[in-house]
Amino acid sequence: INDLNYDTEKSSEVTIGKYDAVKVEE
C-alpha cells in the first residue's frame, strides 16, 4: 500500500483482521 498513490484528505489508518490497512472515502 505504500507503493500506491491513495492521496486524499479522506483516508485513515485502520486495522482489518491482523493487517494494517487504509480506508479511503470518496
mmCIF file of all heavy atoms, coordinates in Angstrom:
data_MODEL
# 
_entry.id   MODEL 
# 
loop_
_atom_site.group_PDB 
_atom_site.id 
_atom_site.type_symbol 
_atom_site.label_atom_id 
_atom_site.label_alt_id 
_atom_site.label_comp_id 
_atom_site.label_asym_id 
_atom_site.label_entity_id 
_atom_site.label_seq_id 
_atom_site.pdbx_PDB_ins_code 
_atom_site.Cartn_x 
_atom_site.Cartn_y 
_atom_site.Cartn_z 
_atom_site.occupancy 
_atom_site.B_iso_or_equiv 
_atom_site.pdbx_formal_charge 
_atom_site.auth_seq_id 
_atom_site.auth_comp_id 
_atom_site.auth_asym_id 
_atom_site.auth_atom_id 
_atom_site.pdbx_PDB_model_num 
ATOM 1   N N   . ILE A 1 1  ? 0.822   -1.216  0.000  1.00 0.00 ? 1  ILE A N   1 
ATOM 2   C CA  . ILE A 1 1  ? 0.000   0.000   0.000  1.00 0.00 ? 1  ILE A CA  1 
ATOM 3   C C   . ILE A 1 1  ? 0.850   1.256   0.000  1.00 0.00 ? 1  ILE A C   1 
ATOM 4   O O   . ILE A 1 1  ? 0.406   2.291   -0.479 1.00 0.00 ? 1  ILE A O   1 
ATOM 5   C CB  . ILE A 1 1  ? -1.059  0.039   1.131  1.00 0.00 ? 1  ILE A CB  1 
ATOM 6   C CG1 . ILE A 1 1  ? -0.424  0.038   2.517  1.00 0.00 ? 1  ILE A CG1 1 
ATOM 7   C CG2 . ILE A 1 1  ? -2.031  -1.096  0.986  1.00 0.00 ? 1  ILE A CG2 1 
ATOM 8   C CD1 . ILE A 1 1  ? -1.436  0.249   3.629  1.00 0.00 ? 1  ILE A CD1 1 
ATOM 9   N N   . ASN A 1 2  ? 2.075   1.176   0.473  1.00 0.00 ? 2  ASN A N   1 
ATOM 10  C CA  . ASN A 1 2  ? 2.946   2.358   0.418  1.00 0.00 ? 2  ASN A CA  1 
ATOM 11  C C   . ASN A 1 2  ? 3.470   2.605   -0.994 1.00 0.00 ? 2  ASN A C   1 
ATOM 12  O O   . ASN A 1 2  ? 4.046   3.644   -1.267 1.00 0.00 ? 2  ASN A O   1 
ATOM 13  C CB  . ASN A 1 2  ? 4.086   2.244   1.421  1.00 0.00 ? 2  ASN A CB  1 
ATOM 14  C CG  . ASN A 1 2  ? 3.572   2.391   2.843  1.00 0.00 ? 2  ASN A CG  1 
ATOM 15  O OD1 . ASN A 1 2  ? 2.621   3.110   3.100  1.00 0.00 ? 2  ASN A OD1 1 
ATOM 16  N ND2 . ASN A 1 2  ? 4.190   1.678   3.763  1.00 0.00 ? 2  ASN A ND2 1 
ATOM 17  N N   . ASP A 1 3  ? 3.280   1.628   -1.895 1.00 0.00 ? 3  ASP A N   1 
ATOM 18  C CA  . ASP A 1 3  ? 3.649   1.786   -3.301 1.00 0.00 ? 3  ASP A CA  1 
ATOM 19  C C   . ASP A 1 3  ? 2.518   2.404   -4.112 1.00 0.00 ? 3  ASP A C   1 
ATOM 20  O O   . ASP A 1 3  ? 2.688   2.699   -5.282 1.00 0.00 ? 3  ASP A O   1 
ATOM 21  C CB  . ASP A 1 3  ? 3.985   0.433   -3.933 1.00 0.00 ? 3  ASP A CB  1 
ATOM 22  C CG  . ASP A 1 3  ? 5.177   -0.231  -3.284 1.00 0.00 ? 3  ASP A CG  1 
ATOM 23  O OD1 . ASP A 1 3  ? 6.087   0.491   -2.843 1.00 0.00 ? 3  ASP A OD1 1 
ATOM 24  O OD2 . ASP A 1 3  ? 5.191   -1.477  -3.218 1.00 0.00 ? 3  ASP A OD2 1 
ATOM 25  N N   . LEU A 1 4  ? 1.370   2.547   -3.502 1.00 0.00 ? 4  LEU A N   1 
ATOM 26  C CA  . LEU A 1 4  ? 0.179   3.034   -4.207 1.00 0.00 ? 4  LEU A CA  1 
ATOM 27  C C   . LEU A 1 4  ? -0.062  4.499   -3.885 1.00 0.00 ? 4  LEU A C   1 
ATOM 28  O O   . LEU A 1 4  ? 0.265   4.976   -2.806 1.00 0.00 ? 4  LEU A O   1 
ATOM 29  C CB  . LEU A 1 4  ? -1.042  2.211   -3.811 1.00 0.00 ? 4  LEU A CB  1 
ATOM 30  C CG  . LEU A 1 4  ? -0.913  0.712   -4.048 1.00 0.00 ? 4  LEU A CG  1 
ATOM 31  C CD1 . LEU A 1 4  ? -2.124  -0.016  -3.482 1.00 0.00 ? 4  LEU A CD1 1 
ATOM 32  C CD2 . LEU A 1 4  ? -0.754  0.406   -5.526 1.00 0.00 ? 4  LEU A CD2 1 
ATOM 33  N N   . ASN A 1 5  ? -0.670  5.180   -4.804 1.00 0.00 ? 5  ASN A N   1 
ATOM 34  C CA  . ASN A 1 5  ? -0.971  6.601   -4.626 1.00 0.00 ? 5  ASN A CA  1 
ATOM 35  C C   . ASN A 1 5  ? -2.441  6.725   -4.236 1.00 0.00 ? 5  ASN A C   1 
ATOM 36  O O   . ASN A 1 5  ? -3.309  6.712   -5.087 1.00 0.00 ? 5  ASN A O   1 
ATOM 37  C CB  . ASN A 1 5  ? -0.670  7.359   -5.919 1.00 0.00 ? 5  ASN A CB  1 
ATOM 38  C CG  . ASN A 1 5  ? -0.911  8.832   -5.764 1.00 0.00 ? 5  ASN A CG  1 
ATOM 39  O OD1 . ASN A 1 5  ? -1.166  9.323   -4.673 1.00 0.00 ? 5  ASN A OD1 1 
ATOM 40  N ND2 . ASN A 1 5  ? -0.856  9.549   -6.858 1.00 0.00 ? 5  ASN A ND2 1 
ATOM 41  N N   . TYR A 1 6  ? -2.706  6.812   -2.969 1.00 0.00 ? 6  TYR A N   1 
ATOM 42  C CA  . TYR A 1 6  ? -4.080  6.961   -2.490 1.00 0.00 ? 6  TYR A CA  1 
ATOM 43  C C   . TYR A 1 6  ? -4.239  8.315   -1.821 1.00 0.00 ? 6  TYR A C   1 
ATOM 44  O O   . TYR A 1 6  ? -4.856  8.464   -0.768 1.00 0.00 ? 6  TYR A O   1 
ATOM 45  C CB  . TYR A 1 6  ? -4.486  5.818   -1.560 1.00 0.00 ? 6  TYR A CB  1 
ATOM 46  C CG  . TYR A 1 6  ? -3.504  5.554   -0.440 1.00 0.00 ? 6  TYR A CG  1 
ATOM 47  C CD1 . TYR A 1 6  ? -3.598  6.235   0.759  1.00 0.00 ? 6  TYR A CD1 1 
ATOM 48  C CD2 . TYR A 1 6  ? -2.479  4.637   -0.596 1.00 0.00 ? 6  TYR A CD2 1 
ATOM 49  C CE1 . TYR A 1 6  ? -2.690  6.004   1.771  1.00 0.00 ? 6  TYR A CE1 1 
ATOM 50  C CE2 . TYR A 1 6  ? -1.574  4.400   0.421  1.00 0.00 ? 6  TYR A CE2 1 
ATOM 51  C CZ  . TYR A 1 6  ? -1.689  5.091   1.598  1.00 0.00 ? 6  TYR A CZ  1 
ATOM 52  O OH  . TYR A 1 6  ? -0.787  4.867   2.600  1.00 0.00 ? 6  TYR A OH  1 
ATOM 53  N N   . ASP A 1 7  ? -3.675  9.314   -2.456 1.00 0.00 ? 7  ASP A N   1 
ATOM 54  C CA  . ASP A 1 7  ? -3.719  10.670  -1.917 1.00 0.00 ? 7  ASP A CA  1 
ATOM 55  C C   . ASP A 1 7  ? -5.152  11.156  -1.787 1.00 0.00 ? 7  ASP A C   1 
ATOM 56  O O   . ASP A 1 7  ? -5.888  11.195  -2.762 1.00 0.00 ? 7  ASP A O   1 
ATOM 57  C CB  . ASP A 1 7  ? -2.983  11.646  -2.835 1.00 0.00 ? 7  ASP A CB  1 
ATOM 58  C CG  . ASP A 1 7  ? -1.507  11.336  -2.896 1.00 0.00 ? 7  ASP A CG  1 
ATOM 59  O OD1 . ASP A 1 7  ? -1.024  10.620  -2.011 1.00 0.00 ? 7  ASP A OD1 1 
ATOM 60  O OD2 . ASP A 1 7  ? -0.853  11.815  -3.832 1.00 0.00 ? 7  ASP A OD2 1 
ATOM 61  N N   . THR A 1 8  ? -5.505  11.527  -0.597 1.00 0.00 ? 8  THR A N   1 
ATOM 62  C CA  . THR A 1 8  ? -6.836  12.062  -0.337 1.00 0.00 ? 8  THR A CA  1 
ATOM 63  C C   . THR A 1 8  ? -6.859  12.622  1.074  1.00 0.00 ? 8  THR A C   1 
ATOM 64  O O   . THR A 1 8  ? -6.132  12.163  1.946  1.00 0.00 ? 8  THR A O   1 
ATOM 65  C CB  . THR A 1 8  ? -7.932  10.993  -0.510 1.00 0.00 ? 8  THR A CB  1 
ATOM 66  O OG1 . THR A 1 8  ? -9.199  11.569  -0.220 1.00 0.00 ? 8  THR A OG1 1 
ATOM 67  C CG2 . THR A 1 8  ? -7.719  9.797   0.391  1.00 0.00 ? 8  THR A CG2 1 
ATOM 68  N N   . GLU A 1 9  ? -7.655  13.588  1.261  1.00 0.00 ? 9  GLU A N   1 
ATOM 69  C CA  . GLU A 1 9  ? -7.799  14.093  2.627  1.00 0.00 ? 9  GLU A CA  1 
ATOM 70  C C   . GLU A 1 9  ? -8.762  13.230  3.422  1.00 0.00 ? 9  GLU A C   1 
ATOM 71  O O   . GLU A 1 9  ? -8.927  13.405  4.604  1.00 0.00 ? 9  GLU A O   1 
ATOM 72  C CB  . GLU A 1 9  ? -8.263  15.546  2.602  1.00 0.00 ? 9  GLU A CB  1 
ATOM 73  C CG  . GLU A 1 9  ? -9.575  15.765  1.889  1.00 0.00 ? 9  GLU A CG  1 
ATOM 74  C CD  . GLU A 1 9  ? -9.848  17.235  1.652  1.00 0.00 ? 9  GLU A CD  1 
ATOM 75  O OE1 . GLU A 1 9  ? -8.912  17.991  1.376  1.00 0.00 ? 9  GLU A OE1 1 
ATOM 76  O OE2 . GLU A 1 9  ? -11.021 17.606  1.753  1.00 0.00 ? 9  GLU A OE2 1 
ATOM 77  N N   . LYS A 1 10 ? -9.379  12.267  2.760  1.00 0.00 ? 10 LYS A N   1 
ATOM 78  C CA  . LYS A 1 10 ? -10.342 11.407  3.435  1.00 0.00 ? 10 LYS A CA  1 
ATOM 79  C C   . LYS A 1 10 ? -9.830  9.979   3.551  1.00 0.00 ? 10 LYS A C   1 
ATOM 80  O O   . LYS A 1 10 ? -10.524 9.029   3.235  1.00 0.00 ? 10 LYS A O   1 
ATOM 81  C CB  . LYS A 1 10 ? -11.683 11.430  2.692  1.00 0.00 ? 10 LYS A CB  1 
ATOM 82  C CG  . LYS A 1 10 ? -12.341 12.788  2.748  1.00 0.00 ? 10 LYS A CG  1 
ATOM 83  C CD  . LYS A 1 10 ? -13.717 12.753  2.175  1.00 0.00 ? 10 LYS A CD  1 
ATOM 84  C CE  . LYS A 1 10 ? -14.356 14.126  2.309  1.00 0.00 ? 10 LYS A CE  1 
ATOM 85  N NZ  . LYS A 1 10 ? -15.735 14.119  1.923  1.00 0.00 ? 10 LYS A NZ  1 
ATOM 86  N N   . SER A 1 11 ? -8.581  9.823   3.987  1.00 0.00 ? 11 SER A N   1 
ATOM 87  C CA  . SER A 1 11 ? -8.043  8.492   4.227  1.00 0.00 ? 11 SER A CA  1 
ATOM 88  C C   . SER A 1 11 ? -7.697  8.364   5.701  1.00 0.00 ? 11 SER A C   1 
ATOM 89  O O   . SER A 1 11 ? -7.357  9.346   6.365  1.00 0.00 ? 11 SER A O   1 
ATOM 90  C CB  . SER A 1 11 ? -6.823  8.225   3.347  1.00 0.00 ? 11 SER A CB  1 
ATOM 91  O OG  . SER A 1 11 ? -5.761  9.071   3.695  1.00 0.00 ? 11 SER A OG  1 
ATOM 92  N N   . SER A 1 12 ? -7.805  7.141   6.192  1.00 0.00 ? 12 SER A N   1 
ATOM 93  C CA  . SER A 1 12 ? -7.485  6.905   7.597  1.00 0.00 ? 12 SER A CA  1 
ATOM 94  C C   . SER A 1 12 ? -6.912  5.509   7.764  1.00 0.00 ? 12 SER A C   1 
ATOM 95  O O   . SER A 1 12 ? -7.274  4.580   7.037  1.00 0.00 ? 12 SER A O   1 
ATOM 96  C CB  . SER A 1 12 ? -8.732  7.077   8.471  1.00 0.00 ? 12 SER A CB  1 
ATOM 97  O OG  . SER A 1 12 ? -9.773  6.222   8.048  1.00 0.00 ? 12 SER A OG  1 
ATOM 98  N N   . GLU A 1 13 ? -6.008  5.383   8.712  1.00 0.00 ? 13 GLU A N   1 
ATOM 99  C CA  . GLU A 1 13 ? -5.424  4.093   9.025  1.00 0.00 ? 13 GLU A CA  1 
ATOM 100 C C   . GLU A 1 13 ? -6.431  3.288   9.840  1.00 0.00 ? 13 GLU A C   1 
ATOM 101 O O   . GLU A 1 13 ? -7.065  3.821   10.751 1.00 0.00 ? 13 GLU A O   1 
ATOM 102 C CB  . GLU A 1 13 ? -4.126  4.272   9.794  1.00 0.00 ? 13 GLU A CB  1 
ATOM 103 C CG  . GLU A 1 13 ? -3.049  4.942   8.960  1.00 0.00 ? 13 GLU A CG  1 
ATOM 104 C CD  . GLU A 1 13 ? -1.745  5.142   9.715  1.00 0.00 ? 13 GLU A CD  1 
ATOM 105 O OE1 . GLU A 1 13 ? -1.534  4.482   10.755 1.00 0.00 ? 13 GLU A OE1 1 
ATOM 106 O OE2 . GLU A 1 13 ? -0.940  5.953   9.248  1.00 0.00 ? 13 GLU A OE2 1 
ATOM 107 N N   . VAL A 1 14 ? -6.581  2.012   9.481  1.00 0.00 ? 14 VAL A N   1 
ATOM 108 C CA  . VAL A 1 14 ? -7.489  1.109   10.183 1.00 0.00 ? 14 VAL A CA  1 
ATOM 109 C C   . VAL A 1 14 ? -6.798  -0.243  10.319 1.00 0.00 ? 14 VAL A C   1 
ATOM 110 O O   . VAL A 1 14 ? -5.770  -0.490  9.693  1.00 0.00 ? 14 VAL A O   1 
ATOM 111 C CB  . VAL A 1 14 ? -8.847  0.945   9.433  1.00 0.00 ? 14 VAL A CB  1 
ATOM 112 C CG1 . VAL A 1 14 ? -9.611  2.259   9.396  1.00 0.00 ? 14 VAL A CG1 1 
ATOM 113 C CG2 . VAL A 1 14 ? -8.652  0.412   8.029  1.00 0.00 ? 14 VAL A CG2 1 
ATOM 114 N N   . THR A 1 15 ? -7.367  -1.107  11.117 1.00 0.00 ? 15 THR A N   1 
ATOM 115 C CA  . THR A 1 15 ? -6.890  -2.475  11.237 1.00 0.00 ? 15 THR A CA  1 
ATOM 116 C C   . THR A 1 15 ? -7.986  -3.389  10.712 1.00 0.00 ? 15 THR A C   1 
ATOM 117 O O   . THR A 1 15 ? -9.153  -3.274  11.105 1.00 0.00 ? 15 THR A O   1 
ATOM 118 C CB  . THR A 1 15 ? -6.567  -2.824  12.705 1.00 0.00 ? 15 THR A CB  1 
ATOM 119 O OG1 . THR A 1 15 ? -5.549  -1.920  13.165 1.00 0.00 ? 15 THR A OG1 1 
ATOM 120 C CG2 . THR A 1 15 ? -6.073  -4.247  12.836 1.00 0.00 ? 15 THR A CG2 1 
ATOM 121 N N   . ILE A 1 16 ? -7.602  -4.276  9.823  1.00 0.00 ? 16 ILE A N   1 
ATOM 122 C CA  . ILE A 1 16 ? -8.530  -5.258  9.257  1.00 0.00 ? 16 ILE A CA  1 
ATOM 123 C C   . ILE A 1 16 ? -7.955  -6.631  9.584  1.00 0.00 ? 16 ILE A C   1 
ATOM 124 O O   . ILE A 1 16 ? -6.904  -7.004  9.058  1.00 0.00 ? 16 ILE A O   1 
ATOM 125 C CB  . ILE A 1 16 ? -8.680  -5.086  7.721  1.00 0.00 ? 16 ILE A CB  1 
ATOM 126 C CG1 . ILE A 1 16 ? -9.208  -3.701  7.364  1.00 0.00 ? 16 ILE A CG1 1 
ATOM 127 C CG2 . ILE A 1 16 ? -9.548  -6.186  7.134  1.00 0.00 ? 16 ILE A CG2 1 
ATOM 128 C CD1 . ILE A 1 16 ? -10.640 -3.415  7.793  1.00 0.00 ? 16 ILE A CD1 1 
ATOM 129 N N   . GLY A 1 17 ? -8.626  -7.362  10.473 1.00 0.00 ? 17 GLY A N   1 
ATOM 130 C CA  . GLY A 1 17 ? -8.077  -8.632  10.937 1.00 0.00 ? 17 GLY A CA  1 
ATOM 131 C C   . GLY A 1 17 ? -6.723  -8.375  11.575 1.00 0.00 ? 17 GLY A C   1 
ATOM 132 O O   . GLY A 1 17 ? -6.581  -7.493  12.414 1.00 0.00 ? 17 GLY A O   1 
ATOM 133 N N   . LYS A 1 18 ? -5.707  -9.108  11.131 1.00 0.00 ? 18 LYS A N   1 
ATOM 134 C CA  . LYS A 1 18 ? -4.350  -8.931  11.664 1.00 0.00 ? 18 LYS A CA  1 
ATOM 135 C C   . LYS A 1 18 ? -3.524  -7.942  10.836 1.00 0.00 ? 18 LYS A C   1 
ATOM 136 O O   . LYS A 1 18 ? -2.332  -7.772  11.081 1.00 0.00 ? 18 LYS A O   1 
ATOM 137 C CB  . LYS A 1 18 ? -3.627  -10.276 11.729 1.00 0.00 ? 18 LYS A CB  1 
ATOM 138 C CG  . LYS A 1 18 ? -3.390  -10.914 10.378 1.00 0.00 ? 18 LYS A CG  1 
ATOM 139 C CD  . LYS A 1 18 ? -2.717  -12.273 10.518 1.00 0.00 ? 18 LYS A CD  1 
ATOM 140 C CE  . LYS A 1 18 ? -2.494  -12.902 9.143  1.00 0.00 ? 18 LYS A CE  1 
ATOM 141 N NZ  . LYS A 1 18 ? -1.877  -14.223 9.250  1.00 0.00 ? 18 LYS A NZ  1 
ATOM 142 N N   . TYR A 1 19 ? -4.158  -7.283  9.876  1.00 0.00 ? 19 TYR A N   1 
ATOM 143 C CA  . TYR A 1 19 ? -3.445  -6.417  8.943  1.00 0.00 ? 19 TYR A CA  1 
ATOM 144 C C   . TYR A 1 19 ? -3.678  -4.935  9.172  1.00 0.00 ? 19 TYR A C   1 
ATOM 145 O O   . TYR A 1 19 ? -4.774  -4.515  9.527  1.00 0.00 ? 19 TYR A O   1 
ATOM 146 C CB  . TYR A 1 19 ? -3.862  -6.738  7.494  1.00 0.00 ? 19 TYR A CB  1 
ATOM 147 C CG  . TYR A 1 19 ? -3.588  -8.156  7.109  1.00 0.00 ? 19 TYR A CG  1 
ATOM 148 C CD1 . TYR A 1 19 ? -4.603  -9.101  7.124  1.00 0.00 ? 19 TYR A CD1 1 
ATOM 149 C CD2 . TYR A 1 19 ? -2.302  -8.551  6.756  1.00 0.00 ? 19 TYR A CD2 1 
ATOM 150 C CE1 . TYR A 1 19 ? -4.343  -10.413 6.781  1.00 0.00 ? 19 TYR A CE1 1 
ATOM 151 C CE2 . TYR A 1 19 ? -2.038  -9.871  6.411  1.00 0.00 ? 19 TYR A CE2 1 
ATOM 152 C CZ  . TYR A 1 19 ? -3.064  -10.793 6.426  1.00 0.00 ? 19 TYR A CZ  1 
ATOM 153 O OH  . TYR A 1 19 ? -2.796  -12.093 6.104  1.00 0.00 ? 19 TYR A OH  1 
ATOM 154 N N   . ASP A 1 20 ? -2.637  -4.153  8.905  1.00 0.00 ? 20 ASP A N   1 
ATOM 155 C CA  . ASP A 1 20 ? -2.789  -2.705  8.822  1.00 0.00 ? 20 ASP A CA  1 
ATOM 156 C C   . ASP A 1 20 ? -3.455  -2.417  7.480  1.00 0.00 ? 20 ASP A C   1 
ATOM 157 O O   . ASP A 1 20 ? -3.254  -3.147  6.500  1.00 0.00 ? 20 ASP A O   1 
ATOM 158 C CB  . ASP A 1 20 ? -1.432  -2.006  8.865  1.00 0.00 ? 20 ASP A CB  1 
ATOM 159 C CG  . ASP A 1 20 ? -0.749  -2.131  10.216 1.00 0.00 ? 20 ASP A CG  1 
ATOM 160 O OD1 . ASP A 1 20 ? -1.462  -2.276  11.237 1.00 0.00 ? 20 ASP A OD1 1 
ATOM 161 O OD2 . ASP A 1 20 ? 0.496   -2.091  10.245 1.00 0.00 ? 20 ASP A OD2 1 
ATOM 162 N N   . ALA A 1 21 ? -4.247  -1.375  7.442  1.00 0.00 ? 21 ALA A N   1 
ATOM 163 C CA  . ALA A 1 21 ? -4.955  -1.026  6.214  1.00 0.00 ? 21 ALA A CA  1 
ATOM 164 C C   . ALA A 1 21 ? -5.205  0.474   6.187  1.00 0.00 ? 21 ALA A C   1 
ATOM 165 O O   . ALA A 1 21 ? -5.012  1.171   7.184  1.00 0.00 ? 21 ALA A O   1 
ATOM 166 C CB  . ALA A 1 21 ? -6.279  -1.796  6.136  1.00 0.00 ? 21 ALA A CB  1 
ATOM 167 N N   . VAL A 1 22 ? -5.633  0.945   5.033  1.00 0.00 ? 22 VAL A N   1 
ATOM 168 C CA  . VAL A 1 22 ? -6.026  2.333   4.863  1.00 0.00 ? 22 VAL A CA  1 
ATOM 169 C C   . VAL A 1 22 ? -7.421  2.339   4.262  1.00 0.00 ? 22 VAL A C   1 
ATOM 170 O O   . VAL A 1 22 ? -7.683  1.644   3.281  1.00 0.00 ? 22 VAL A O   1 
ATOM 171 C CB  . VAL A 1 22 ? -5.051  3.095   3.931  1.00 0.00 ? 22 VAL A CB  1 
ATOM 172 C CG1 . VAL A 1 22 ? -5.555  4.497   3.650  1.00 0.00 ? 22 VAL A CG1 1 
ATOM 173 C CG2 . VAL A 1 22 ? -3.666  3.149   4.546  1.00 0.00 ? 22 VAL A CG2 1 
ATOM 174 N N   . LYS A 1 23 ? -8.312  3.101   4.884  1.00 0.00 ? 23 LYS A N   1 
ATOM 175 C CA  . LYS A 1 23 ? -9.660  3.287   4.338  1.00 0.00 ? 23 LYS A CA  1 
ATOM 176 C C   . LYS A 1 23 ? -9.665  4.630   3.615  1.00 0.00 ? 23 LYS A C   1 
ATOM 177 O O   . LYS A 1 23 ? -9.263  5.642   4.179  1.00 0.00 ? 23 LYS A O   1 
ATOM 178 C CB  . LYS A 1 23 ? -10.710 3.287   5.455  1.00 0.00 ? 23 LYS A CB  1 
ATOM 179 C CG  . LYS A 1 23 ? -12.128 3.500   4.928  1.00 0.00 ? 23 LYS A CG  1 
ATOM 180 C CD  . LYS A 1 23 ? -13.164 3.340   6.011  1.00 0.00 ? 23 LYS A CD  1 
ATOM 181 C CE  . LYS A 1 23 ? -13.146 4.512   6.946  1.00 0.00 ? 23 LYS A CE  1 
ATOM 182 N NZ  . LYS A 1 23 ? -14.251 4.541   7.903  1.00 0.00 ? 23 LYS A NZ  1 
ATOM 183 N N   . VAL A 1 24 ? -10.106 4.606   2.354  1.00 0.00 ? 24 VAL A N   1 
ATOM 184 C CA  . VAL A 1 24 ? -10.142 5.813   1.535  1.00 0.00 ? 24 VAL A CA  1 
ATOM 185 C C   . VAL A 1 24 ? -11.601 6.081   1.174  1.00 0.00 ? 24 VAL A C   1 
ATOM 186 O O   . VAL A 1 24 ? -12.216 5.327   0.425  1.00 0.00 ? 24 VAL A O   1 
ATOM 187 C CB  . VAL A 1 24 ? -9.302  5.660   0.244  1.00 0.00 ? 24 VAL A CB  1 
ATOM 188 C CG1 . VAL A 1 24 ? -9.344  6.947   -0.566 1.00 0.00 ? 24 VAL A CG1 1 
ATOM 189 C CG2 . VAL A 1 24 ? -7.867  5.278   0.588  1.00 0.00 ? 24 VAL A CG2 1 
ATOM 190 N N   . GLU A 1 25 ? -12.132 7.166   1.735  1.00 0.00 ? 25 GLU A N   1 
ATOM 191 C CA  . GLU A 1 25 ? -13.508 7.554   1.440  1.00 0.00 ? 25 GLU A CA  1 
ATOM 192 C C   . GLU A 1 25 ? -13.540 8.444   0.202  1.00 0.00 ? 25 GLU A C   1 
ATOM 193 O O   . GLU A 1 25 ? -12.675 9.296   0.024  1.00 0.00 ? 25 GLU A O   1 
ATOM 194 C CB  . GLU A 1 25 ? -14.103 8.312   2.628  1.00 0.00 ? 25 GLU A CB  1 
ATOM 195 C CG  . GLU A 1 25 ? -14.169 7.480   3.893  1.00 0.00 ? 25 GLU A CG  1 
ATOM 196 C CD  . GLU A 1 25 ? -14.716 8.258   5.066  1.00 0.00 ? 25 GLU A CD  1 
ATOM 197 O OE1 . GLU A 1 25 ? -15.687 9.027   4.880  1.00 0.00 ? 25 GLU A OE1 1 
ATOM 198 O OE2 . GLU A 1 25 ? -14.160 8.101   6.166  1.00 0.00 ? 25 GLU A OE2 1 
ATOM 199 N N   . GLU A 1 26 ? -14.513 8.223   -0.641 1.00 0.00 ? 26 GLU A N   1 
ATOM 200 C CA  . GLU A 1 26 ? -14.731 9.034   -1.841 1.00 0.00 ? 26 GLU A CA  1 
ATOM 201 C C   . GLU A 1 26 ? -13.503 9.132   -2.741 1.00 0.00 ? 26 GLU A C   1 
ATOM 202 O O   . GLU A 1 26 ? -13.099 10.235  -3.133 1.00 0.00 ? 26 GLU A O   1 
ATOM 203 C CB  . GLU A 1 26 ? -15.206 10.437  -1.464 1.00 0.00 ? 26 GLU A CB  1 
ATOM 204 C CG  . GLU A 1 26 ? -16.485 10.470  -0.691 1.00 0.00 ? 26 GLU A CG  1 
ATOM 205 C CD  . GLU A 1 26 ? -16.911 11.879  -0.298 1.00 0.00 ? 26 GLU A CD  1 
ATOM 206 O OE1 . GLU A 1 26 ? -16.471 12.855  -0.939 1.00 0.00 ? 26 GLU A OE1 1 
ATOM 207 O OE2 . GLU A 1 26 ? -17.701 11.996  0.653  1.00 0.00 ? 26 GLU A OE2 1 
# 
